[in-house]
PDB file of all heavy atoms in Angstrom:
ATOM      1  N   MET A   1     -19.317  13.436 -27.130  1.00  0.00           N
ATOM      2  CA  MET A   1     -19.017  12.316 -26.243  1.00  0.00           C
ATOM      3  C   MET A   1     -17.642  12.512 -25.604  1.00  0.00           C
ATOM      4  O   MET A   1     -17.421  12.144 -24.363  1.00  0.00           O
ATOM      5  CB  MET A   1     -18.981  11.034 -27.073  1.00  0.00           C
ATOM      6  CG  MET A   1     -18.770   9.810 -26.411  1.00  0.00           C
ATOM      7  SD  MET A   1     -20.077   9.409 -25.178  1.00  0.00           S
ATOM      8  CE  MET A   1     -21.392   8.938 -26.256  1.00  0.00           C
ATOM      9  N   THR A   2     -16.806  13.167 -26.319  1.00  0.00           N
ATOM     10  CA  THR A   2     -15.393  13.208 -25.810  1.00  0.00           C
ATOM     11  C   THR A   2     -15.311  14.102 -24.576  1.00  0.00           C
ATOM     12  O   THR A   2     -14.681  13.971 -23.541  1.00  0.00           O
ATOM     13  CB  THR A   2     -14.532  13.817 -26.847  1.00  0.00           C
ATOM     14  OG1 THR A   2     -14.424  12.936 -27.904  1.00  0.00           O
ATOM     15  CG2 THR A   2     -13.024  14.084 -26.218  1.00  0.00           C
ATOM     16  N   VAL A   3     -16.183  15.243 -24.678  1.00  0.00           N
ATOM     17  CA  VAL A   3     -16.104  16.148 -23.652  1.00  0.00           C
ATOM     18  C   VAL A   3     -16.851  15.739 -22.435  1.00  0.00           C
ATOM     19  O   VAL A   3     -16.450  15.848 -21.249  1.00  0.00           O
ATOM     20  CB  VAL A   3     -16.821  17.571 -24.067  1.00  0.00           C
ATOM     21  CG1 VAL A   3     -17.009  18.423 -22.795  1.00  0.00           C
ATOM     22  CG2 VAL A   3     -15.994  18.269 -25.156  1.00  0.00           C
ATOM     23  N   LEU A   4     -17.973  14.960 -22.549  1.00  0.00           N
ATOM     24  CA  LEU A   4     -18.747  14.335 -21.495  1.00  0.00           C
ATOM     25  C   LEU A   4     -17.960  13.241 -20.798  1.00  0.00           C
ATOM     26  O   LEU A   4     -17.969  13.227 -19.534  1.00  0.00           O
ATOM     27  CB  LEU A   4     -19.928  13.854 -21.982  1.00  0.00           C
ATOM     28  CG  LEU A   4     -21.129  14.885 -22.431  1.00  0.00           C
ATOM     29  CD1 LEU A   4     -22.342  14.123 -23.082  1.00  0.00           C
ATOM     30  CD2 LEU A   4     -21.497  15.778 -21.284  1.00  0.00           C
ATOM     31  N   VAL A   5     -17.155  12.475 -21.498  1.00  0.00           N
ATOM     32  CA  VAL A   5     -16.388  11.444 -20.906  1.00  0.00           C
ATOM     33  C   VAL A   5     -15.264  12.074 -20.068  1.00  0.00           C
ATOM     34  O   VAL A   5     -14.939  11.733 -19.009  1.00  0.00           O
ATOM     35  CB  VAL A   5     -15.826  10.346 -21.883  1.00  0.00           C
ATOM     36  CG1 VAL A   5     -14.808   9.552 -21.270  1.00  0.00           C
ATOM     37  CG2 VAL A   5     -16.996   9.591 -22.510  1.00  0.00           C
ATOM     38  N   ALA A   6     -14.582  13.130 -20.613  1.00  0.00           N
ATOM     39  CA  ALA A   6     -13.557  13.839 -19.915  1.00  0.00           C
ATOM     40  C   ALA A   6     -14.083  14.548 -18.663  1.00  0.00           C
ATOM     41  O   ALA A   6     -13.435  14.403 -17.617  1.00  0.00           O
ATOM     42  CB  ALA A   6     -13.074  14.970 -20.873  1.00  0.00           C
ATOM     43  N   LEU A   7     -15.358  14.941 -18.703  1.00  0.00           N
ATOM     44  CA  LEU A   7     -15.962  15.524 -17.469  1.00  0.00           C
ATOM     45  C   LEU A   7     -16.223  14.431 -16.311  1.00  0.00           C
ATOM     46  O   LEU A   7     -15.882  14.640 -15.258  1.00  0.00           O
ATOM     47  CB  LEU A   7     -17.242  16.167 -17.866  1.00  0.00           C
ATOM     48  CG  LEU A   7     -18.147  16.657 -16.609  1.00  0.00           C
ATOM     49  CD1 LEU A   7     -17.418  17.728 -15.756  1.00  0.00           C
ATOM     50  CD2 LEU A   7     -19.499  17.157 -17.018  1.00  0.00           C
ATOM     51  N   LEU A   8     -16.695  13.421 -16.929  1.00  0.00           N
ATOM     52  CA  LEU A   8     -16.968  12.179 -16.026  1.00  0.00           C
ATOM     53  C   LEU A   8     -15.577  11.676 -15.335  1.00  0.00           C
ATOM     54  O   LEU A   8     -15.540  11.447 -14.147  1.00  0.00           O
ATOM     55  CB  LEU A   8     -17.577  11.017 -16.662  1.00  0.00           C
ATOM     56  CG  LEU A   8     -17.717   9.784 -15.901  1.00  0.00           C
ATOM     57  CD1 LEU A   8     -18.671  10.039 -14.704  1.00  0.00           C
ATOM     58  CD2 LEU A   8     -18.376   8.616 -16.820  1.00  0.00           C
ATOM     59  N   VAL A   9     -14.522  11.497 -16.115  1.00  0.00           N
ATOM     60  CA  VAL A   9     -13.312  11.039 -15.517  1.00  0.00           C
ATOM     61  C   VAL A   9     -12.715  11.988 -14.547  1.00  0.00           C
ATOM     62  O   VAL A   9     -12.119  11.595 -13.619  1.00  0.00           O
ATOM     63  CB  VAL A   9     -12.351  10.765 -16.754  1.00  0.00           C
ATOM     64  CG1 VAL A   9     -10.885  10.468 -16.115  1.00  0.00           C
ATOM     65  CG2 VAL A   9     -12.767   9.614 -17.491  1.00  0.00           C
ATOM     66  N   THR A  10     -12.934  13.339 -14.814  1.00  0.00           N
ATOM     67  CA  THR A  10     -12.342  14.245 -13.838  1.00  0.00           C
ATOM     68  C   THR A  10     -13.226  14.434 -12.504  1.00  0.00           C
ATOM     69  O   THR A  10     -12.756  14.811 -11.471  1.00  0.00           O
ATOM     70  CB  THR A  10     -12.272  15.652 -14.394  1.00  0.00           C
ATOM     71  OG1 THR A  10     -13.472  15.994 -15.048  1.00  0.00           O
ATOM     72  CG2 THR A  10     -11.168  15.649 -15.549  1.00  0.00           C
ATOM     73  N   LEU A  11     -14.501  13.987 -12.714  1.00  0.00           N
ATOM     74  CA  LEU A  11     -15.446  14.114 -11.499  1.00  0.00           C
ATOM     75  C   LEU A  11     -15.201  12.865 -10.599  1.00  0.00           C
ATOM     76  O   LEU A  11     -15.169  13.090  -9.399  1.00  0.00           O
ATOM     77  CB  LEU A  11     -16.849  14.005 -12.012  1.00  0.00           C
ATOM     78  CG  LEU A  11     -17.509  15.323 -12.540  1.00  0.00           C
ATOM     79  CD1 LEU A  11     -18.859  15.084 -13.103  1.00  0.00           C
ATOM     80  CD2 LEU A  11     -17.524  16.406 -11.524  1.00  0.00           C
ATOM     81  N   ILE A  12     -15.043  11.673 -11.150  1.00  0.00           N
ATOM     82  CA  ILE A  12     -14.950  10.526 -10.274  1.00  0.00           C
ATOM     83  C   ILE A  12     -13.464  10.460  -9.640  1.00  0.00           C
ATOM     84  O   ILE A  12     -12.479  10.956 -10.108  1.00  0.00           O
ATOM     85  CB  ILE A  12     -15.167   9.131 -11.024  1.00  0.00           C
ATOM     86  CG1 ILE A  12     -14.080   8.977 -12.098  1.00  0.00           C
ATOM     87  CG2 ILE A  12     -16.554   9.240 -11.696  1.00  0.00           C
ATOM     88  CD1 ILE A  12     -14.333   7.763 -12.829  1.00  0.00           C
ATOM     89  N   PRO A  13     -13.334   9.765  -8.400  1.00  0.00           N
ATOM     90  CA  PRO A  13     -12.037   9.757  -7.719  1.00  0.00           C
ATOM     91  C   PRO A  13     -11.121   8.756  -8.383  1.00  0.00           C
ATOM     92  O   PRO A  13     -10.756   7.762  -7.865  1.00  0.00           O
ATOM     93  CB  PRO A  13     -12.449   9.300  -6.326  1.00  0.00           C
ATOM     94  CG  PRO A  13     -13.732   8.501  -6.541  1.00  0.00           C
ATOM     95  CD  PRO A  13     -14.475   9.085  -7.784  1.00  0.00           C
ATOM     96  N   THR A  14     -10.623   9.154  -9.559  1.00  0.00           N
ATOM     97  CA  THR A  14      -9.711   8.160 -10.274  1.00  0.00           C
ATOM     98  C   THR A  14      -8.314   8.067  -9.562  1.00  0.00           C
ATOM     99  O   THR A  14      -7.701   6.989  -9.596  1.00  0.00           O
ATOM    100  CB  THR A  14      -9.382   8.824 -11.765  1.00  0.00           C
ATOM    101  OG1 THR A  14      -9.031  10.101 -11.514  1.00  0.00           O
ATOM    102  CG2 THR A  14     -10.598   8.639 -12.523  1.00  0.00           C
ATOM    103  N   THR A  15      -7.800   9.040  -8.834  1.00  0.00           N
ATOM    104  CA  THR A  15      -6.473   8.962  -8.320  1.00  0.00           C
ATOM    105  C   THR A  15      -6.456   7.888  -7.163  1.00  0.00           C
ATOM    106  O   THR A  15      -5.622   6.949  -7.158  1.00  0.00           O
ATOM    107  CB  THR A  15      -6.057  10.371  -7.688  1.00  0.00           C
ATOM    108  OG1 THR A  15      -6.158  11.337  -8.667  1.00  0.00           O
ATOM    109  CG2 THR A  15      -4.617  10.325  -7.145  1.00  0.00           C
ATOM    110  N   ILE A  16      -7.360   7.993  -6.234  1.00  0.00           N
ATOM    111  CA  ILE A  16      -7.350   6.980  -5.077  1.00  0.00           C
ATOM    112  C   ILE A  16      -7.851   5.606  -5.721  1.00  0.00           C
ATOM    113  O   ILE A  16      -7.367   4.611  -5.190  1.00  0.00           O
ATOM    114  CB  ILE A  16      -8.195   7.412  -3.931  1.00  0.00           C
ATOM    115  CG1 ILE A  16      -8.038   6.441  -2.785  1.00  0.00           C
ATOM    116  CG2 ILE A  16      -9.603   7.542  -4.348  1.00  0.00           C
ATOM    117  CD1 ILE A  16      -6.560   6.294  -2.318  1.00  0.00           C
ATOM    118  N   GLY A  17      -8.851   5.724  -6.643  1.00  0.00           N
ATOM    119  CA  GLY A  17      -9.186   4.388  -7.207  1.00  0.00           C
ATOM    120  C   GLY A  17      -7.960   3.647  -7.886  1.00  0.00           C
ATOM    121  O   GLY A  17      -8.009   2.459  -7.995  1.00  0.00           O
ATOM    122  N   ALA A  18      -7.012   4.399  -8.504  1.00  0.00           N
ATOM    123  CA  ALA A  18      -5.946   3.752  -9.135  1.00  0.00           C
ATOM    124  C   ALA A  18      -4.895   3.253  -8.223  1.00  0.00           C
ATOM    125  O   ALA A  18      -4.246   2.303  -8.474  1.00  0.00           O
ATOM    126  CB  ALA A  18      -5.280   4.899 -10.109  1.00  0.00           C
ATOM    127  N   LEU A  19      -4.860   3.941  -7.004  1.00  0.00           N
ATOM    128  CA  LEU A  19      -3.689   3.607  -6.087  1.00  0.00           C
ATOM    129  C   LEU A  19      -4.080   2.702  -4.975  1.00  0.00           C
ATOM    130  O   LEU A  19      -3.209   2.326  -4.195  1.00  0.00           O
ATOM    131  CB  LEU A  19      -3.161   4.931  -5.514  1.00  0.00           C
ATOM    132  CG  LEU A  19      -2.485   5.905  -6.542  1.00  0.00           C
ATOM    133  CD1 LEU A  19      -2.125   7.157  -5.891  1.00  0.00           C
ATOM    134  CD2 LEU A  19      -1.321   5.320  -7.238  1.00  0.00           C
ATOM    135  N   LEU A  20      -5.394   2.505  -4.836  1.00  0.00           N
ATOM    136  CA  LEU A  20      -5.925   1.819  -3.568  1.00  0.00           C
ATOM    137  C   LEU A  20      -5.257   0.454  -3.425  1.00  0.00           C
ATOM    138  O   LEU A  20      -4.776   0.061  -2.338  1.00  0.00           O
ATOM    139  CB  LEU A  20      -7.386   1.740  -3.548  1.00  0.00           C
ATOM    140  CG  LEU A  20      -8.067   1.159  -2.337  1.00  0.00           C
ATOM    141  CD1 LEU A  20      -7.742   1.961  -1.095  1.00  0.00           C
ATOM    142  CD2 LEU A  20      -9.619   1.115  -2.514  1.00  0.00           C
ATOM    143  N   SER A  21      -5.251  -0.299  -4.501  1.00  0.00           N
ATOM    144  CA  SER A  21      -4.779  -1.743  -4.440  1.00  0.00           C
ATOM    145  C   SER A  21      -3.265  -1.686  -4.189  1.00  0.00           C
ATOM    146  O   SER A  21      -2.683  -2.503  -3.494  1.00  0.00           O
ATOM    147  CB  SER A  21      -5.081  -2.442  -5.742  1.00  0.00           C
ATOM    148  OG  SER A  21      -4.565  -3.719  -5.636  1.00  0.00           O
ATOM    149  N   ALA A  22      -2.517  -0.814  -4.889  1.00  0.00           N
ATOM    150  CA  ALA A  22      -1.076  -0.697  -4.716  1.00  0.00           C
ATOM    151  C   ALA A  22      -0.700  -0.300  -3.273  1.00  0.00           C
ATOM    152  O   ALA A  22       0.283  -0.857  -2.699  1.00  0.00           O
ATOM    153  CB  ALA A  22      -0.555   0.418  -5.637  1.00  0.00           C
ATOM    154  N   ILE A  23      -1.589   0.458  -2.599  1.00  0.00           N
ATOM    155  CA  ILE A  23      -1.297   0.887  -1.203  1.00  0.00           C
ATOM    156  C   ILE A  23      -1.436  -0.366  -0.362  1.00  0.00           C
ATOM    157  O   ILE A  23      -0.464  -0.600   0.648  1.00  0.00           O
ATOM    158  CB  ILE A  23      -2.326   1.803  -0.716  1.00  0.00           C
ATOM    159  CG1 ILE A  23      -2.067   3.268  -1.488  1.00  0.00           C
ATOM    160  CG2 ILE A  23      -2.268   2.233   0.794  1.00  0.00           C
ATOM    161  CD1 ILE A  23      -3.146   4.234  -1.155  1.00  0.00           C
ATOM    162  N   GLY A  24      -2.322  -1.234  -0.472  1.00  0.00           N
ATOM    163  CA  GLY A  24      -2.540  -2.393   0.232  1.00  0.00           C
ATOM    164  C   GLY A  24      -1.366  -3.419   0.006  1.00  0.00           C
ATOM    165  O   GLY A  24      -0.859  -3.989   0.975  1.00  0.00           O
ATOM    166  N   ILE A  25      -1.062  -3.576  -1.265  1.00  0.00           N
ATOM    167  CA  ILE A  25       0.057  -4.490  -1.560  1.00  0.00           C
ATOM    168  C   ILE A  25       1.338  -4.028  -0.898  1.00  0.00           C
ATOM    169  O   ILE A  25       2.305  -4.813  -0.447  1.00  0.00           O
ATOM    170  CB  ILE A  25       0.191  -4.674  -3.056  1.00  0.00           C
ATOM    171  CG1 ILE A  25      -1.079  -5.367  -3.679  1.00  0.00           C
ATOM    172  CG2 ILE A  25       1.534  -5.468  -3.423  1.00  0.00           C
ATOM    173  CD1 ILE A  25      -1.129  -5.346  -5.236  1.00  0.00           C
ATOM    174  N   ALA A  26       1.592  -2.731  -1.038  1.00  0.00           N
ATOM    175  CA  ALA A  26       2.807  -2.223  -0.483  1.00  0.00           C
ATOM    176  C   ALA A  26       3.060  -2.291   1.066  1.00  0.00           C
ATOM    177  O   ALA A  26       4.082  -2.497   1.611  1.00  0.00           O
ATOM    178  CB  ALA A  26       2.911  -0.665  -0.946  1.00  0.00           C
ATOM    179  N   GLY A  27       1.795  -2.319   1.715  1.00  0.00           N
ATOM    180  CA  GLY A  27       1.723  -2.462   3.148  1.00  0.00           C
ATOM    181  C   GLY A  27       2.325  -3.872   3.516  1.00  0.00           C
ATOM    182  O   GLY A  27       3.131  -4.093   4.430  1.00  0.00           O
ATOM    183  N   MET A  28       1.833  -4.876   2.650  1.00  0.00           N
ATOM    184  CA  MET A  28       2.320  -6.273   2.948  1.00  0.00           C
ATOM    185  C   MET A  28       3.872  -6.369   2.591  1.00  0.00           C
ATOM    186  O   MET A  28       4.634  -6.940   3.282  1.00  0.00           O
ATOM    187  CB  MET A  28       1.633  -7.256   1.949  1.00  0.00           C
ATOM    188  CG  MET A  28       0.028  -7.295   2.140  1.00  0.00           C
ATOM    189  SD  MET A  28      -0.389  -8.364   3.571  1.00  0.00           S
ATOM    190  CE  MET A  28      -0.218  -9.896   2.854  1.00  0.00           C
ATOM    191  N   ASP A  29       4.215  -5.556   1.530  1.00  0.00           N
ATOM    192  CA  ASP A  29       5.598  -5.607   1.220  1.00  0.00           C
ATOM    193  C   ASP A  29       6.576  -4.989   2.193  1.00  0.00           C
ATOM    194  O   ASP A  29       7.659  -5.468   2.430  1.00  0.00           O
ATOM    195  CB  ASP A  29       5.746  -4.776  -0.183  1.00  0.00           C
ATOM    196  CG  ASP A  29       7.179  -4.795  -0.793  1.00  0.00           C
ATOM    197  OD1 ASP A  29       7.729  -5.855  -0.966  1.00  0.00           O
ATOM    198  OD2 ASP A  29       7.865  -3.844  -0.866  1.00  0.00           O
ATOM    199  N   ARG A  30       6.082  -3.927   2.839  1.00  0.00           N
ATOM    200  CA  ARG A  30       6.895  -3.315   3.981  1.00  0.00           C
ATOM    201  C   ARG A  30       7.208  -4.254   5.091  1.00  0.00           C
ATOM    202  O   ARG A  30       8.137  -4.211   5.593  1.00  0.00           O
ATOM    203  CB  ARG A  30       6.299  -2.019   4.396  1.00  0.00           C
ATOM    204  CG  ARG A  30       6.461  -0.772   3.564  1.00  0.00           C
ATOM    205  CD  ARG A  30       6.021   0.444   4.125  1.00  0.00           C
ATOM    206  NE  ARG A  30       4.622   0.567   4.355  1.00  0.00           N
ATOM    207  CZ  ARG A  30       3.720   1.077   3.397  1.00  0.00           C
ATOM    208  NH1 ARG A  30       4.203   1.329   2.196  1.00  0.00           N
ATOM    209  NH2 ARG A  30       2.461   1.096   3.658  1.00  0.00           N
ATOM    210  N   LEU A  31       6.180  -5.134   5.342  1.00  0.00           N
ATOM    211  CA  LEU A  31       6.393  -6.085   6.339  1.00  0.00           C
ATOM    212  C   LEU A  31       7.413  -7.133   5.910  1.00  0.00           C
ATOM    213  O   LEU A  31       8.244  -7.670   6.708  1.00  0.00           O
ATOM    214  CB  LEU A  31       5.029  -6.810   6.670  1.00  0.00           C
ATOM    215  CG  LEU A  31       4.097  -6.055   7.642  1.00  0.00           C
ATOM    216  CD1 LEU A  31       2.838  -6.990   7.860  1.00  0.00           C
ATOM    217  CD2 LEU A  31       4.799  -5.860   9.050  1.00  0.00           C
ATOM    218  N   VAL A  32       7.288  -7.553   4.603  1.00  0.00           N
ATOM    219  CA  VAL A  32       8.272  -8.499   4.144  1.00  0.00           C
ATOM    220  C   VAL A  32       9.658  -8.040   4.216  1.00  0.00           C
ATOM    221  O   VAL A  32      10.588  -8.739   4.449  1.00  0.00           O
ATOM    222  CB  VAL A  32       7.891  -8.891   2.681  1.00  0.00           C
ATOM    223  CG1 VAL A  32       8.899  -9.832   2.075  1.00  0.00           C
ATOM    224  CG2 VAL A  32       6.531  -9.769   2.636  1.00  0.00           C
ATOM    225  N   GLN A  33       9.813  -6.688   3.971  1.00  0.00           N
ATOM    226  CA  GLN A  33      11.119  -6.094   4.037  1.00  0.00           C
ATOM    227  C   GLN A  33      11.619  -6.239   5.420  1.00  0.00           C
ATOM    228  O   GLN A  33      12.930  -6.362   5.545  1.00  0.00           O
ATOM    229  CB  GLN A  33      11.066  -4.600   3.685  1.00  0.00           C
ATOM    230  CG  GLN A  33      10.721  -4.307   2.202  1.00  0.00           C
ATOM    231  CD  GLN A  33      10.544  -2.859   2.001  1.00  0.00           C
ATOM    232  OE1 GLN A  33      11.422  -2.003   2.542  1.00  0.00           O
ATOM    233  NE2 GLN A  33       9.509  -2.380   1.122  1.00  0.00           N
ATOM    234  N   ARG A  34      10.817  -6.299   6.344  1.00  0.00           N
ATOM    235  CA  ARG A  34      11.380  -6.447   7.712  1.00  0.00           C
ATOM    236  C   ARG A  34      11.221  -7.872   8.210  1.00  0.00           C
ATOM    237  O   ARG A  34      11.239  -8.214   9.394  1.00  0.00           O
ATOM    238  CB  ARG A  34      10.493  -5.465   8.716  1.00  0.00           C
ATOM    239  CG  ARG A  34      10.825  -4.075   8.412  1.00  0.00           C
ATOM    240  CD  ARG A  34       9.692  -3.152   9.109  1.00  0.00           C
ATOM    241  NE  ARG A  34      10.107  -1.762   9.125  1.00  0.00           N
ATOM    242  CZ  ARG A  34       9.885  -0.937   8.080  1.00  0.00           C
ATOM    243  NH1 ARG A  34       9.469  -1.403   7.035  1.00  0.00           N
ATOM    244  NH2 ARG A  34      10.299   0.317   8.157  1.00  0.00           N
ATOM    245  N   HIS A  35      11.126  -8.767   7.313  1.00  0.00           N
ATOM    246  CA  HIS A  35      11.079 -10.235   7.542  1.00  0.00           C
ATOM    247  C   HIS A  35       9.873 -10.577   8.381  1.00  0.00           C
ATOM    248  O   HIS A  35      10.016 -11.510   9.196  1.00  0.00           O
ATOM    249  CB  HIS A  35      12.412 -10.640   8.324  1.00  0.00           C
ATOM    250  CG  HIS A  35      13.586 -10.627   7.342  1.00  0.00           C
ATOM    251  ND1 HIS A  35      14.817 -10.970   7.782  1.00  0.00           N
ATOM    252  CD2 HIS A  35      13.858 -10.014   6.165  1.00  0.00           C
ATOM    253  CE1 HIS A  35      15.722 -10.773   6.781  1.00  0.00           C
ATOM    254  NE2 HIS A  35      15.049 -10.219   5.687  1.00  0.00           N
ATOM    255  N   VAL A  36       8.797 -10.037   8.137  1.00  0.00           N
ATOM    256  CA  VAL A  36       7.557 -10.384   8.730  1.00  0.00           C
ATOM    257  C   VAL A  36       6.528 -10.861   7.716  1.00  0.00           C
ATOM    258  O   VAL A  36       6.349 -10.112   6.741  1.00  0.00           O
ATOM    259  CB  VAL A  36       6.973  -9.264   9.613  1.00  0.00           C
ATOM    260  CG1 VAL A  36       5.652  -9.693  10.216  1.00  0.00           C
ATOM    261  CG2 VAL A  36       7.926  -8.864  10.767  1.00  0.00           C
ATOM    262  N   LEU A  37       5.978 -12.030   7.821  1.00  0.00           N
ATOM    263  CA  LEU A  37       4.990 -12.530   6.856  1.00  0.00           C
ATOM    264  C   LEU A  37       3.628 -12.381   7.494  1.00  0.00           C
ATOM    265  O   LEU A  37       3.361 -12.997   8.613  1.00  0.00           O
ATOM    266  CB  LEU A  37       5.243 -13.992   6.518  1.00  0.00           C
ATOM    267  CG  LEU A  37       6.454 -14.229   5.628  1.00  0.00           C
ATOM    268  CD1 LEU A  37       6.581 -15.670   5.299  1.00  0.00           C
ATOM    269  CD2 LEU A  37       6.370 -13.429   4.423  1.00  0.00           C
TER     270      LEU A  37
END
């Protein structure tokens, strides 16, 4: 089970899946930094 799960985690796009929400929030934040809501 350990090896198969490790294979699955490396196959799926974990990196962008982990960062996708942060990218969207940061885009809003960059506008706020420039005083735009």
